[in-house]
C-alpha atoms as a PDB file:
ATOM      1  CA  UNK A   1     111.303 107.362 126.659  1.00  0.00           C
ATOM      2  CA  UNK A   2     114.608 105.812 126.748  1.00  0.00           C
ATOM      3  CA  UNK A   3     116.352 109.211 127.303  1.00  0.00           C
ATOM      4  CA  UNK A   4     113.722 110.197 130.170  1.00  0.00           C
ATOM      5  CA  UNK A   5     114.220 106.535 131.689  1.00  0.00           C
ATOM      6  CA  UNK A   6     117.960 107.209 131.989  1.00  0.00           C
ATOM      7  CA  UNK A   7     117.297 110.378 133.967  1.00  0.00           C
ATOM      8  CA  UNK A   8     115.742 108.740 137.026  1.00  0.00           C
ATOM      9  CA  UNK A   9     113.293 110.273 139.377  1.00  0.00           C
ATOM     10  CA  UNK A  10     109.491 109.823 139.122  1.00  0.00           C
ATOM     11  CA  UNK A  11     109.411 110.621 135.482  1.00  0.00           C
ATOM     12  CA  UNK A  12     112.125 108.326 134.565  1.00  0.00           C
ATOM     13  CA  UNK A  13     110.675 105.537 136.677  1.00  0.00           C
ATOM     14  CA  UNK A  14     107.429 105.887 134.734  1.00  0.00           C
ATOM     15  CA  UNK A  15     109.290 105.948 131.394  1.00  0.00           C
ATOM     16  CA  UNK A  16     111.043 102.663 132.401  1.00  0.00           C
ATOM     17  CA  UNK A  17     107.572 101.313 133.095  1.00  0.00           C
ATOM     18  CA  UNK A  18     106.398 102.359 129.550  1.00  0.00           C
ATOM     19  CA  UNK A  19     109.552 100.782 128.091  1.00  0.00           C
ATOM     20  CA  UNK A  20     108.942  97.454 129.845  1.00  0.00           C
ATOM     21  CA  UNK A  21     105.353  97.427 128.511  1.00  0.00           C
ATOM     22  CA  UNK A  22     103.660  97.736 132.212  1.00  0.00           C
ATOM     23  CA  UNK A  23     102.281 101.219 131.216  1.00  0.00           C
ATOM     24  CA  UNK A  24     101.218 103.271 128.333  1.00  0.00           C
ATOM     25  CA  UNK A  25     102.597 106.800 127.642  1.00  0.00           C
ATOM     26  CA  UNK A  26      99.227 108.584 127.891  1.00  0.00           C
ATOM     27  CA  UNK A  27      99.009 107.501 131.655  1.00  0.00           C
ATOM     28  CA  UNK A  28     101.782 109.966 132.393  1.00  0.00           C
ATOM     29  CA  UNK A  29      98.872 112.605 132.614  1.00  0.00           C
ATOM     30  CA  UNK A  30      97.306 110.792 135.469  1.00  0.00           C
ATOM     31  CA  UNK A  31     100.452 109.607 137.232  1.00  0.00           C
ATOM     32  CA  UNK A  32     100.495 111.550 140.619  1.00  0.00           C
ATOM     33  CA  UNK A  33     104.356 111.262 141.429  1.00  0.00           C
ATOM     34  CA  UNK A  34     105.316 112.622 137.887  1.00  0.00           C
ATOM     35  CA  UNK A  35     102.667 115.387 138.066  1.00  0.00           C
ATOM     36  CA  UNK A  36     103.914 116.452 141.370  1.00  0.00           C
ATOM     37  CA  UNK A  37     107.522 116.488 140.016  1.00  0.00           C
ATOM     38  CA  UNK A  38     106.332 118.721 136.968  1.00  0.00           C
ATOM     39  CA  UNK A  39     104.359 121.128 139.320  1.00  0.00           C
ATOM     40  CA  UNK A  40     107.374 121.512 141.545  1.00  0.00           C
ATOM     41  CA  UNK A  41     109.647 122.253 138.614  1.00  0.00           C
ATOM     42  CA  UNK A  42     107.168 124.566 136.869  1.00  0.00           C
ATOM     43  CA  UNK A  43     106.606 126.441 140.229  1.00  0.00           C
ATOM     44  CA  UNK A  44     110.405 127.064 140.353  1.00  0.00           C
ATOM     45  CA  UNK A  45     110.630 128.437 136.738  1.00  0.00           C
ATOM     46  CA  UNK A  46     107.664 130.697 137.479  1.00  0.00           C
ATOM     47  CA  UNK A  47     109.444 132.183 140.556  1.00  0.00           C
ATOM     48  CA  UNK A  48     112.444 132.826 138.575  1.00  0.00           C
ATOM     49  CA  UNK A  49     110.559 134.386 135.566  1.00  0.00           C
ATOM     50  CA  UNK A  50     108.398 136.465 137.911  1.00  0.00           C
ATOM     51  CA  UNK A  51     111.603 137.891 139.522  1.00  0.00           C
ATOM     52  CA  UNK A  52     112.771 139.217 136.132  1.00  0.00           C
ATOM     53  CA  UNK A  53     112.339 142.835 135.018  1.00  0.00           C
ATOM     54  CA  UNK A  54     109.358 143.222 132.829  1.00  0.00           C
ATOM     55  CA  UNK A  55     111.539 143.951 129.780  1.00  0.00           C
ATOM     56  CA  UNK A  56     113.356 140.740 130.350  1.00  0.00           C
ATOM     57  CA  UNK A  57     110.146 138.683 130.506  1.00  0.00           C
ATOM     58  CA  UNK A  58     108.942 140.398 127.271  1.00  0.00           C
ATOM     59  CA  UNK A  59     112.177 139.545 125.448  1.00  0.00           C
ATOM     60  CA  UNK A  60     111.864 135.820 126.626  1.00  0.00           C
ATOM     61  CA  UNK A  61     108.398 135.855 125.326  1.00  0.00           C
ATOM     62  CA  UNK A  62     109.280 137.111 121.965  1.00  0.00           C
ATOM     63  CA  UNK A  63     111.852 134.404 121.420  1.00  0.00           C
ATOM     64  CA  UNK A  64     110.041 131.537 123.083  1.00  0.00           C
ATOM     65  CA  UNK A  65     108.544 130.309 119.773  1.00  0.00           C
ATOM     66  CA  UNK A  66     111.843 130.100 117.914  1.00  0.00           C
ATOM     67  CA  UNK A  67     113.436 128.602 120.965  1.00  0.00           C
ATOM     68  CA  UNK A  68     110.806 125.911 121.219  1.00  0.00           C
ATOM     69  CA  UNK A  69     111.257 125.157 117.361  1.00  0.00           C
ATOM     70  CA  UNK A  70     115.068 124.891 117.824  1.00  0.00           C
ATOM     71  CA  UNK A  71     114.624 122.604 120.774  1.00  0.00           C
ATOM     72  CA  UNK A  72     112.060 120.354 118.945  1.00  0.00           C
ATOM     73  CA  UNK A  73     114.453 120.187 116.010  1.00  0.00           C
ATOM     74  CA  UNK A  74     117.263 119.077 118.271  1.00  0.00           C
ATOM     75  CA  UNK A  75     115.302 116.368 119.767  1.00  0.00           C
ATOM     76  CA  UNK A  76     114.276 115.035 116.364  1.00  0.00           C
ATOM     77  CA  UNK A  77     117.925 114.664 115.304  1.00  0.00           C
ATOM     78  CA  UNK A  78     119.058 113.493 118.763  1.00  0.00           C
ATOM     79  CA  UNK A  79     121.148 110.292 118.869  1.00  0.00           C
ATOM     80  CA  UNK A  80     119.128 108.567 121.717  1.00  0.00           C
ATOM     81  CA  UNK A  81     121.936 105.949 122.222  1.00  0.00           C
ATOM     82  CA  UNK A  82     124.533 108.485 122.636  1.00  0.00           C
ATOM     83  CA  UNK A  83     122.359 110.524 124.873  1.00  0.00           C
ATOM     84  CA  UNK A  84     121.412 107.586 127.105  1.00  0.00           C
ATOM     85  CA  UNK A  85     125.102 106.660 127.314  1.00  0.00           C
ATOM     86  CA  UNK A  86     126.030 110.250 128.367  1.00  0.00           C
ATOM     87  CA  UNK A  87     123.224 110.260 131.069  1.00  0.00           C
ATOM     88  CA  UNK A  88     124.447 106.829 132.351  1.00  0.00           C
ATOM     89  CA  UNK A  89     128.062 108.171 132.598  1.00  0.00           C
ATOM     90  CA  UNK A  90     126.776 111.319 134.394  1.00  0.00           C
ATOM     91  CA  UNK A  91     124.853 109.070 136.895  1.00  0.00           C
ATOM     92  CA  UNK A  92     127.972 107.070 137.422  1.00  0.00           C
ATOM     93  CA  UNK A  93     129.814 110.258 138.242  1.00  0.00           C
ATOM     94  CA  UNK A  94     127.151 111.384 140.730  1.00  0.00           C
ATOM     95  CA  UNK A  95     127.680 108.014 142.527  1.00  0.00           C
ATOM     96  CA  UNK A  96     131.548 108.738 142.434  1.00  0.00           C
ATOM     97  CA  UNK A  97     132.162 112.549 142.273  1.00  0.00           C
ATOM     98  CA  UNK A  98     135.290 113.594 140.379  1.00  0.00           C
ATOM     99  CA  UNK A  99     138.007 115.615 141.972  1.00  0.00           C
ATOM    100  CA  UNK A 100     137.280 119.216 142.120  1.00  0.00           C
ATOM    101  CA  UNK A 101     138.219 121.130 138.944  1.00  0.00           C
ATOM    102  CA  UNK A 102     140.748 123.983 139.218  1.00  0.00           C
ATOM    103  CA  UNK A 103     138.972 125.798 136.341  1.00  0.00           C
ATOM    104  CA  UNK A 104     136.764 128.393 137.727  1.00  0.00           C
ATOM    105  CA  UNK A 105     133.123 128.746 136.153  1.00  0.00           C
ATOM    106  CA  UNK A 106     131.450 132.008 135.653  1.00  0.00           C
ATOM    107  CA  UNK A 107     128.835 132.996 138.046  1.00  0.00           C
ATOM    108  CA  UNK A 108     125.258 133.201 136.688  1.00  0.00           C
ATOM    109  CA  UNK A 109     125.572 137.063 136.337  1.00  0.00           C
ATOM    110  CA  UNK A 110     128.640 136.517 134.159  1.00  0.00           C
ATOM    111  CA  UNK A 111     127.077 133.773 132.039  1.00  0.00           C
ATOM    112  CA  UNK A 112     125.350 136.320 129.560  1.00  0.00           C
ATOM    113  CA  UNK A 113     125.030 133.853 126.629  1.00  0.00           C
ATOM    114  CA  UNK A 114     122.844 131.201 128.337  1.00  0.00           C
ATOM    115  CA  UNK A 115     119.765 132.252 126.139  1.00  0.00           C
ATOM    116  CA  UNK A 116     121.773 131.476 122.789  1.00  0.00           C
ATOM    117  CA  UNK A 117     123.005 128.037 123.943  1.00  0.00           C
ATOM    118  CA  UNK A 118     121.254 124.765 122.993  1.00  0.00           C
ATOM    119  CA  UNK A 119     119.644 123.394 126.094  1.00  0.00           C
ATOM    120  CA  UNK A 120     121.273 120.224 125.122  1.00  0.00           C
ATOM    121  CA  UNK A 121     124.848 121.327 125.317  1.00  0.00           C
ATOM    122  CA  UNK A 122     126.841 120.865 128.621  1.00  0.00           C
ATOM    123  CA  UNK A 123     127.774 124.069 130.552  1.00  0.00           C
END
């Protein structure tokens, strides 16, 4: 909840309410703004997935369970204090954007290893 609260937005605001004792975690399932946020995000993912060729969707489906297990394992060993500190630092950077980097980043088409990376790693 601390990590979610540090992200902001409706889900982050809800998590902050849970941490303060004003809400209980199970109430998330009935909290309209959070549900709207999740539905919007899911809709975007479905559009991306639907646009993929059938063989790519099948490959994603085959690796989905192992990917989920890896992500749950990462969450179980996550140093929440460090992650919250990182999120707070990122939030501060958003308020004051850094100077543009001279290093070019690969386009999405060139970033072939995205499926093998941890979702917790920075790009």
